[in-house]
Amino acid sequence: MTARRISNEPAYVLHRYDWSESSLILDVFTRHHGRIALVARGAKKPCSSFRPILLPLQPLHLAFGGDAEIRNLKSAEWQGGHVMPTGEALLSGYYLNELLMRLLAREDPHQVLFDAYAATVQLLASQNPEMLQLALRAFELRLLRDIGLLPRLDAETATLTPVTPHGRYVLLPETGIRPAHDDDRASLPGAQWQALQQSLDGQAVFAQTLQACVPAANELKTQLRALLHYHCGVRVLKTRQMMIDLQAL
């Protein structure tokens, strides 16, 4: 059987691993094929055309082929559009990549999620500190929603009773959406949970989720972080710990 060749595929490099003295294994998020592994032969050589291109958080078009678990990278073209994020925005980008590597199965396409990732990276590159946390919250919601780990936000998870606009609710890893208790620090009114759900439903685009997060970013941060750590099976993600350590310095 002839090995299939894919050309002009939108993609981002999530992580790079040394494979030999001259080559790299890439963990790549593609628009039509999901998360895949590629070998970039000779990419570490000073004369390689891959060397300045295969960077994280940069929009690429890739060509690759093969029918093995790790396919062969044939070509890579940088698509431009924004510069590399720096500082806290760069660490936030690495955080997104860690989430994708931990939670996405290989070769499971998520085109809407890919577009949300691309939009989020653009916002990180804009170096607008006011947008940073909003972009992260909106992407976390989209990721959890698209891989089936987010309960409906407009109903109590245990009973499927619709939330009331003026009631207050929390999102917890074990129980989903439930009415807030007096000792719950981060809770949101039912109307806010309804707006968030609407921003994720049907043909809703990432900009709608971003807008829905504006009044709720601080409260969502704690709740989504707990949910993500729960499903990743860790207490603290590596990139989160790195941020904590840098802030302590």
C-alpha atoms as a PDB file:
ATOM      1  CA  MET A   1       0.000   0.000   0.000  1.00  0.00           C
ATOM      2  CA  THR A   2       1.336   3.449  -0.929  1.00  0.00           C
ATOM      3  CA  ALA A   3       2.047   5.667   2.044  1.00  0.00           C
ATOM      4  CA  ARG A   4      -0.280   8.632   2.093  1.00  0.00           C
ATOM      5  CA  ARG A   5       1.244  12.086   1.740  1.00  0.00           C
ATOM      6  CA  ILE A   6      -0.382  15.149   3.296  1.00  0.00           C
ATOM      7  CA  SER A   7       0.474  18.609   1.975  1.00  0.00           C
ATOM      8  CA  ASN A   8      -0.188  22.180   3.029  1.00  0.00           C
ATOM      9  CA  GLU A   9      -1.554  21.158   6.441  1.00  0.00           C
ATOM     10  CA  PRO A  10      -2.035  23.984   9.009  1.00  0.00           C
ATOM     11  CA  ALA A  11      -0.151  23.032  12.158  1.00  0.00           C
ATOM     12  CA  TYR A  12       1.645  24.136  15.317  1.00  0.00           C
ATOM     13  CA  VAL A  13       4.597  22.456  17.016  1.00  0.00           C
ATOM     14  CA  LEU A  14       3.662  21.570  20.592  1.00  0.00           C
ATOM     15  CA  HIS A  15       6.990  20.060  21.661  1.00  0.00           C
ATOM     16  CA  ARG A  16      10.323  18.914  20.255  1.00  0.00           C
ATOM     17  CA  TYR A  17      12.390  15.917  21.360  1.00  0.00           C
ATOM     18  CA  ASP A  18      15.958  15.026  20.390  1.00  0.00           C
ATOM     19  CA  TRP A  19      15.931  11.858  18.302  1.00  0.00           C
ATOM     20  CA  SER A  20      19.539  11.639  17.144  1.00  0.00           C
ATOM     21  CA  GLU A  21      22.517  13.950  16.800  1.00  0.00           C
ATOM     22  CA  SER A  22      20.864  15.626  13.831  1.00  0.00           C
ATOM     23  CA  SER A  23      17.120  14.910  13.973  1.00  0.00           C
ATOM     24  CA  LEU A  24      14.037  15.784  16.044  1.00  0.00           C
ATOM     25  CA  ILE A  25      10.757  14.130  16.954  1.00  0.00           C
ATOM     26  CA  LEU A  26       7.929  16.674  16.877  1.00  0.00           C
ATOM     27  CA  ASP A  27       4.621  16.581  18.719  1.00  0.00           C
ATOM     28  CA  VAL A  28       2.394  18.558  16.339  1.00  0.00           C
ATOM     29  CA  PHE A  29      -1.204  19.812  16.479  1.00  0.00           C
ATOM     30  CA  THR A  30      -2.713  19.840  12.973  1.00  0.00           C
ATOM     31  CA  ARG A  31      -6.072  21.176  11.869  1.00  0.00           C
ATOM     32  CA  HIS A  32      -7.367  18.144   9.939  1.00  0.00           C
ATOM     33  CA  HIS A  33      -5.473  15.246  11.546  1.00  0.00           C
ATOM     34  CA  GLY A  34      -5.300  16.236  15.199  1.00  0.00           C
ATOM     35  CA  ARG A  35      -2.210  15.635  17.272  1.00  0.00           C
ATOM     36  CA  ILE A  36       0.470  13.617  15.483  1.00  0.00           C
ATOM     37  CA  ALA A  37       4.155  12.721  15.800  1.00  0.00           C
ATOM     38  CA  LEU A  38       6.645  13.567  13.057  1.00  0.00           C
ATOM     39  CA  VAL A  39      10.350  12.969  12.593  1.00  0.00           C
ATOM     40  CA  ALA A  40      12.257  15.938  11.184  1.00  0.00           C
ATOM     41  CA  ARG A  41      15.424  14.376   9.784  1.00  0.00           C
ATOM     42  CA  GLY A  42      18.478  16.598   9.851  1.00  0.00           C
ATOM     43  CA  ALA A  43      16.558  19.424  11.544  1.00  0.00           C
ATOM     44  CA  LYS A  44      19.382  20.103  14.021  1.00  0.00           C
ATOM     45  CA  LYS A  45      22.014  20.615  11.339  1.00  0.00           C
ATOM     46  CA  PRO A  46      23.142  24.254  10.949  1.00  0.00           C
ATOM     47  CA  CYS A  47      22.295  24.165   7.231  1.00  0.00           C
ATOM     48  CA  SER A  48      18.811  22.649   7.659  1.00  0.00           C
ATOM     49  CA  SER A  49      15.880  24.690   6.342  1.00  0.00           C
ATOM     50  CA  PHE A  50      13.839  23.265   9.248  1.00  0.00           C
ATOM     51  CA  ARG A  51      16.081  24.775  11.911  1.00  0.00           C
ATOM     52  CA  PRO A  52      14.627  28.338  12.078  1.00  0.00           C
ATOM     53  CA  ILE A  53      11.029  27.247  11.367  1.00  0.00           C
ATOM     54  CA  LEU A  54      10.101  24.380  13.695  1.00  0.00           C
ATOM     55  CA  LEU A  55       9.350  26.565  16.704  1.00  0.00           C
ATOM     56  CA  PRO A  56       6.367  26.391  19.087  1.00  0.00           C
ATOM     57  CA  LEU A  57       3.547  28.951  18.918  1.00  0.00           C
ATOM     58  CA  GLN A  58       4.236  29.725  15.262  1.00  0.00           C
ATOM     59  CA  PRO A  59       1.684  29.051  12.462  1.00  0.00           C
ATOM     60  CA  LEU A  60       3.067  26.529   9.975  1.00  0.00           C
ATOM     61  CA  HIS A  61       1.999  24.637   6.890  1.00  0.00           C
ATOM     62  CA  LEU A  62       3.485  21.133   6.857  1.00  0.00           C
ATOM     63  CA  ALA A  63       3.843  18.318   4.374  1.00  0.00           C
ATOM     64  CA  PHE A  64       4.377  14.819   5.754  1.00  0.00           C
ATOM     65  CA  GLY A  65       3.971  11.195   4.779  1.00  0.00           C
ATOM     66  CA  GLY A  66       4.248   7.610   5.918  1.00  0.00           C
ATOM     67  CA  ASP A  67       1.945   5.087   7.565  1.00  0.00           C
ATOM     68  CA  ALA A  68       3.951   4.456  10.762  1.00  0.00           C
ATOM     69  CA  GLU A  69       3.071   5.879  14.160  1.00  0.00           C
ATOM     70  CA  ILE A  70       5.757   8.515  13.628  1.00  0.00           C
ATOM     71  CA  ARG A  71       5.518   9.987  10.135  1.00  0.00           C
ATOM     72  CA  ASN A  72       8.191  11.723   8.094  1.00  0.00           C
ATOM     73  CA  LEU A  73       8.184  15.499   7.831  1.00  0.00           C
ATOM     74  CA  LYS A  74       8.771  16.510   4.209  1.00  0.00           C
ATOM     75  CA  SER A  75       8.519  20.293   4.315  1.00  0.00           C
ATOM     76  CA  ALA A  76       7.563  23.162   6.632  1.00  0.00           C
ATOM     77  CA  GLU A  77       6.628  26.735   5.791  1.00  0.00           C
ATOM     78  CA  TRP A  78       6.174  29.547   8.296  1.00  0.00           C
ATOM     79  CA  GLN A  79       2.905  31.406   7.708  1.00  0.00           C
ATOM     80  CA  GLY A  80       3.815  34.590   9.573  1.00  0.00           C
ATOM     81  CA  GLY A  81       1.161  36.845  11.047  1.00  0.00           C
ATOM     82  CA  HIS A  82       2.613  37.429  14.515  1.00  0.00           C
ATOM     83  CA  VAL A  83       5.849  37.384  16.468  1.00  0.00           C
ATOM     84  CA  MET A  84       6.809  34.920  19.185  1.00  0.00           C
ATOM     85  CA  PRO A  85       5.121  35.708  22.524  1.00  0.00           C
ATOM     86  CA  THR A  86       7.487  36.701  25.329  1.00  0.00           C
ATOM     87  CA  GLY A  87       7.468  36.722  29.120  1.00  0.00           C
ATOM     88  CA  GLU A  88       4.270  35.595  30.802  1.00  0.00           C
ATOM     89  CA  ALA A  89       2.555  35.236  27.418  1.00  0.00           C
ATOM     90  CA  LEU A  90       5.241  32.758  26.310  1.00  0.00           C
ATOM     91  CA  LEU A  91       4.789  30.649  29.456  1.00  0.00           C
ATOM     92  CA  SER A  92       1.037  30.780  28.892  1.00  0.00           C
ATOM     93  CA  GLY A  93       1.589  29.416  25.378  1.00  0.00           C
ATOM     94  CA  TYR A  94       3.645  26.544  26.758  1.00  0.00           C
ATOM     95  CA  TYR A  95       0.809  25.939  29.228  1.00  0.00           C
ATOM     96  CA  LEU A  96      -1.653  25.564  26.338  1.00  0.00           C
ATOM     97  CA  ASN A  97       0.722  23.113  24.666  1.00  0.00           C
ATOM     98  CA  GLU A  98       1.038  21.047  27.832  1.00  0.00           C
ATOM     99  CA  LEU A  99      -2.744  20.824  28.110  1.00  0.00           C
ATOM    100  CA  LEU A 100      -3.057  19.617  24.522  1.00  0.00           C
ATOM    101  CA  MET A 101      -0.337  16.997  24.941  1.00  0.00           C
ATOM    102  CA  ARG A 102      -1.894  15.661  28.132  1.00  0.00           C
ATOM    103  CA  LEU A 103      -5.550  15.688  27.085  1.00  0.00           C
ATOM    104  CA  LEU A 104      -5.719  15.145  23.315  1.00  0.00           C
ATOM    105  CA  ALA A 105      -5.565  11.611  21.947  1.00  0.00           C
ATOM    106  CA  ARG A 106      -3.376  11.157  18.874  1.00  0.00           C
ATOM    107  CA  GLU A 107      -4.983  11.437  15.435  1.00  0.00           C
ATOM    108  CA  ASP A 108      -8.269  12.754  16.843  1.00  0.00           C
ATOM    109  CA  PRO A 109      -9.141  15.849  14.742  1.00  0.00           C
ATOM    110  CA  HIS A 110     -10.648  18.894  16.430  1.00  0.00           C
ATOM    111  CA  GLN A 111     -10.900  21.613  13.815  1.00  0.00           C
ATOM    112  CA  VAL A 112     -12.881  24.055  15.981  1.00  0.00           C
ATOM    113  CA  LEU A 113     -10.387  23.581  18.811  1.00  0.00           C
ATOM    114  CA  PHE A 114      -7.495  24.120  16.394  1.00  0.00           C
ATOM    115  CA  ASP A 115      -9.012  27.433  15.295  1.00  0.00           C
ATOM    116  CA  ALA A 116      -9.500  28.424  18.953  1.00  0.00           C
ATOM    117  CA  TYR A 117      -5.852  27.566  19.650  1.00  0.00           C
ATOM    118  CA  ALA A 118      -4.691  29.671  16.691  1.00  0.00           C
ATOM    119  CA  ALA A 119      -6.804  32.615  17.885  1.00  0.00           C
ATOM    120  CA  THR A 120      -5.479  32.245  21.437  1.00  0.00           C
ATOM    121  CA  VAL A 121      -1.843  32.200  20.295  1.00  0.00           C
ATOM    122  CA  GLN A 122      -2.466  35.385  18.306  1.00  0.00           C
ATOM    123  CA  LEU A 123      -3.870  37.046  21.408  1.00  0.00           C
ATOM    124  CA  LEU A 124      -0.857  35.926  23.447  1.00  0.00           C
ATOM    125  CA  ALA A 125       1.484  37.362  20.806  1.00  0.00           C
ATOM    126  CA  SER A 126      -0.307  40.715  21.003  1.00  0.00           C
ATOM    127  CA  GLN A 127       1.269  41.146  24.474  1.00  0.00           C
ATOM    128  CA  ASN A 128      -1.959  42.691  25.769  1.00  0.00           C
ATOM    129  CA  PRO A 129      -1.986  41.825  29.499  1.00  0.00           C
ATOM    130  CA  GLU A 130      -5.716  42.496  29.763  1.00  0.00           C
ATOM    131  CA  MET A 131      -6.439  39.799  27.177  1.00  0.00           C
ATOM    132  CA  LEU A 132      -4.083  37.165  28.549  1.00  0.00           C
ATOM    133  CA  GLN A 133      -6.294  35.691  31.267  1.00  0.00           C
ATOM    134  CA  LEU A 134      -9.446  36.002  29.148  1.00  0.00           C
ATOM    135  CA  ALA A 135      -7.785  34.098  26.308  1.00  0.00           C
ATOM    136  CA  LEU A 136      -6.653  31.306  28.637  1.00  0.00           C
ATOM    137  CA  ARG A 137     -10.082  30.907  30.248  1.00  0.00           C
ATOM    138  CA  ALA A 138     -11.854  30.863  26.886  1.00  0.00           C
ATOM    139  CA  PHE A 139      -9.437  28.267  25.502  1.00  0.00           C
ATOM    140  CA  GLU A 140      -9.724  26.067  28.598  1.00  0.00           C
ATOM    141  CA  LEU A 141     -13.501  26.062  28.210  1.00  0.00           C
ATOM    142  CA  ARG A 142     -13.284  25.240  24.506  1.00  0.00           C
ATOM    143  CA  LEU A 143     -10.782  22.435  25.128  1.00  0.00           C
ATOM    144  CA  LEU A 144     -12.825  20.811  27.902  1.00  0.00           C
ATOM    145  CA  ARG A 145     -16.010  21.170  25.856  1.00  0.00           C
ATOM    146  CA  ASP A 146     -14.578  19.688  22.658  1.00  0.00           C
ATOM    147  CA  ILE A 147     -13.042  16.603  24.276  1.00  0.00           C
ATOM    148  CA  GLY A 148     -16.162  15.857  26.310  1.00  0.00           C
ATOM    149  CA  LEU A 149     -14.903  16.714  29.799  1.00  0.00           C
ATOM    150  CA  LEU A 150     -17.082  19.760  30.461  1.00  0.00           C
ATOM    151  CA  PRO A 151     -20.605  19.223  31.811  1.00  0.00           C
ATOM    152  CA  ARG A 152     -23.386  21.472  30.602  1.00  0.00           C
ATOM    153  CA  LEU A 153     -23.012  24.769  32.376  1.00  0.00           C
ATOM    154  CA  ASP A 154     -26.678  25.766  32.287  1.00  0.00           C
ATOM    155  CA  ALA A 155     -27.977  22.878  34.429  1.00  0.00           C
ATOM    156  CA  GLU A 156     -27.121  21.241  37.730  1.00  0.00           C
ATOM    157  CA  THR A 157     -25.106  18.153  36.798  1.00  0.00           C
ATOM    158  CA  ALA A 158     -26.622  15.786  39.374  1.00  0.00           C
ATOM    159  CA  THR A 159     -30.280  16.532  38.635  1.00  0.00           C
ATOM    160  CA  LEU A 160     -30.204  18.240  35.199  1.00  0.00           C
ATOM    161  CA  THR A 161     -32.317  21.006  36.755  1.00  0.00           C
ATOM    162  CA  PRO A 162     -31.752  24.230  34.790  1.00  0.00           C
ATOM    163  CA  VAL A 163     -29.810  26.860  36.697  1.00  0.00           C
ATOM    164  CA  THR A 164     -31.753  29.957  37.718  1.00  0.00           C
ATOM    165  CA  PRO A 165     -30.416  33.318  36.514  1.00  0.00           C
ATOM    166  CA  HIS A 166     -30.048  34.795  40.006  1.00  0.00           C
ATOM    167  CA  GLY A 167     -28.902  31.673  41.837  1.00  0.00           C
ATOM    168  CA  ARG A 168     -25.179  31.121  42.356  1.00  0.00           C
ATOM    169  CA  TYR A 169     -23.364  27.968  41.245  1.00  0.00           C
ATOM    170  CA  VAL A 170     -19.891  26.436  41.207  1.00  0.00           C
ATOM    171  CA  LEU A 171     -18.165  23.965  38.883  1.00  0.00           C
ATOM    172  CA  LEU A 172     -16.343  21.146  40.683  1.00  0.00           C
ATOM    173  CA  PRO A 173     -14.357  18.202  39.243  1.00  0.00           C
ATOM    174  CA  GLU A 174     -16.314  15.476  41.046  1.00  0.00           C
ATOM    175  CA  THR A 175     -19.822  16.916  40.962  1.00  0.00           C
ATOM    176  CA  GLY A 176     -19.974  19.321  38.006  1.00  0.00           C
ATOM    177  CA  ILE A 177     -22.314  22.308  38.350  1.00  0.00           C
ATOM    178  CA  ARG A 178     -24.001  22.554  41.748  1.00  0.00           C
ATOM    179  CA  PRO A 179     -25.532  25.341  43.868  1.00  0.00           C
ATOM    180  CA  ALA A 180     -22.914  27.364  45.727  1.00  0.00           C
ATOM    181  CA  HIS A 181     -22.468  26.939  49.476  1.00  0.00           C
ATOM    182  CA  ASP A 182     -21.579  29.727  51.880  1.00  0.00           C
ATOM    183  CA  ASP A 183     -17.945  28.606  52.002  1.00  0.00           C
ATOM    184  CA  ASP A 184     -17.490  28.468  48.199  1.00  0.00           C
ATOM    185  CA  ARG A 185     -15.102  31.307  47.350  1.00  0.00           C
ATOM    186  CA  ALA A 186     -15.593  31.360  43.596  1.00  0.00           C
ATOM    187  CA  SER A 187     -19.147  31.143  42.360  1.00  0.00           C
ATOM    188  CA  LEU A 188     -21.050  32.644  39.453  1.00  0.00           C
ATOM    189  CA  PRO A 189     -24.698  33.581  38.947  1.00  0.00           C
ATOM    190  CA  GLY A 190     -26.759  31.198  36.856  1.00  0.00           C
ATOM    191  CA  ALA A 191     -27.131  33.851  34.147  1.00  0.00           C
ATOM    192  CA  GLN A 192     -23.351  33.853  33.700  1.00  0.00           C
ATOM    193  CA  TRP A 193     -23.173  30.063  33.428  1.00  0.00           C
ATOM    194  CA  GLN A 194     -25.980  30.216  30.848  1.00  0.00           C
ATOM    195  CA  ALA A 195     -24.075  32.791  28.804  1.00  0.00           C
ATOM    196  CA  LEU A 196     -20.938  30.656  28.873  1.00  0.00           C
ATOM    197  CA  GLN A 197     -22.868  27.604  27.701  1.00  0.00           C
ATOM    198  CA  GLN A 198     -24.463  29.571  24.852  1.00  0.00           C
ATOM    199  CA  SER A 199     -20.993  30.710  23.764  1.00  0.00           C
ATOM    200  CA  LEU A 200     -19.943  27.060  23.364  1.00  0.00           C
ATOM    201  CA  ASP A 201     -23.080  25.708  21.670  1.00  0.00           C
ATOM    202  CA  GLY A 202     -23.818  25.130  18.003  1.00  0.00           C
ATOM    203  CA  GLN A 203     -22.023  27.432  15.576  1.00  0.00           C
ATOM    204  CA  ALA A 204     -20.639  29.700  18.300  1.00  0.00           C
ATOM    205  CA  VAL A 205     -17.159  31.019  17.489  1.00  0.00           C
ATOM    206  CA  PHE A 206     -14.222  31.517  19.828  1.00  0.00           C
ATOM    207  CA  ALA A 207     -14.784  35.285  20.008  1.00  0.00           C
ATOM    208  CA  GLN A 208     -18.167  34.640  21.629  1.00  0.00           C
ATOM    209  CA  THR A 209     -16.595  32.479  24.332  1.00  0.00           C
ATOM    210  CA  LEU A 210     -13.954  35.131  24.875  1.00  0.00           C
ATOM    211  CA  GLN A 211     -16.633  37.781  25.332  1.00  0.00           C
ATOM    212  CA  ALA A 212     -18.646  35.587  27.701  1.00  0.00           C
ATOM    213  CA  CYS A 213     -15.567  35.197  29.918  1.00  0.00           C
ATOM    214  CA  VAL A 214     -15.152  38.952  30.481  1.00  0.00           C
ATOM    215  CA  PRO A 215     -17.330  39.200  33.640  1.00  0.00           C
ATOM    216  CA  ALA A 216     -16.217  35.829  34.977  1.00  0.00           C
ATOM    217  CA  ALA A 217     -12.480  35.445  34.361  1.00  0.00           C
ATOM    218  CA  ASN A 218     -11.343  35.556  38.003  1.00  0.00           C
ATOM    219  CA  GLU A 219     -13.964  33.102  39.267  1.00  0.00           C
ATOM    220  CA  LEU A 220     -13.420  30.741  36.344  1.00  0.00           C
ATOM    221  CA  LYS A 221      -9.666  30.572  36.867  1.00  0.00           C
ATOM    222  CA  THR A 222      -9.835  28.580  40.102  1.00  0.00           C
ATOM    223  CA  GLN A 223     -12.654  26.296  38.979  1.00  0.00           C
ATOM    224  CA  LEU A 224     -11.259  25.465  35.545  1.00  0.00           C
ATOM    225  CA  ARG A 225      -7.783  24.912  36.935  1.00  0.00           C
ATOM    226  CA  ALA A 226      -9.151  22.350  39.419  1.00  0.00           C
ATOM    227  CA  LEU A 227     -11.080  20.594  36.648  1.00  0.00           C
ATOM    228  CA  LEU A 228      -8.055  20.472  34.331  1.00  0.00           C
ATOM    229  CA  HIS A 229      -5.721  19.169  37.043  1.00  0.00           C
ATOM    230  CA  TYR A 230      -8.302  16.513  37.902  1.00  0.00           C
ATOM    231  CA  HIS A 231      -8.484  15.223  34.328  1.00  0.00           C
ATOM    232  CA  CYS A 232      -4.726  15.528  33.768  1.00  0.00           C
ATOM    233  CA  GLY A 233      -4.131  13.496  36.916  1.00  0.00           C
ATOM    234  CA  VAL A 234      -1.689  15.992  38.431  1.00  0.00           C
ATOM    235  CA  ARG A 235      -1.751  18.437  41.325  1.00  0.00           C
ATOM    236  CA  VAL A 236       0.090  21.157  39.385  1.00  0.00           C
ATOM    237  CA  LEU A 237       0.990  21.240  35.693  1.00  0.00           C
ATOM    238  CA  LYS A 238       4.699  21.686  34.887  1.00  0.00           C
ATOM    239  CA  THR A 239       4.174  25.038  33.218  1.00  0.00           C
ATOM    240  CA  ARG A 240       2.020  26.268  36.116  1.00  0.00           C
ATOM    241  CA  GLN A 241       4.766  25.325  38.562  1.00  0.00           C
ATOM    242  CA  MET A 242       7.273  27.182  36.403  1.00  0.00           C
ATOM    243  CA  MET A 243       5.086  30.308  36.535  1.00  0.00           C
ATOM    244  CA  ILE A 244       4.775  29.998  40.331  1.00  0.00           C
ATOM    245  CA  ASP A 245       8.556  29.642  40.721  1.00  0.00           C
ATOM    246  CA  LEU A 246       9.266  32.650  38.515  1.00  0.00           C
ATOM    247  CA  GLN A 247       6.736  34.795  40.363  1.00  0.00           C
ATOM    248  CA  ALA A 248       8.364  33.793  43.663  1.00  0.00           C
ATOM    249  CA  LEU A 249      11.717  35.052  42.345  1.00  0.00           C
END
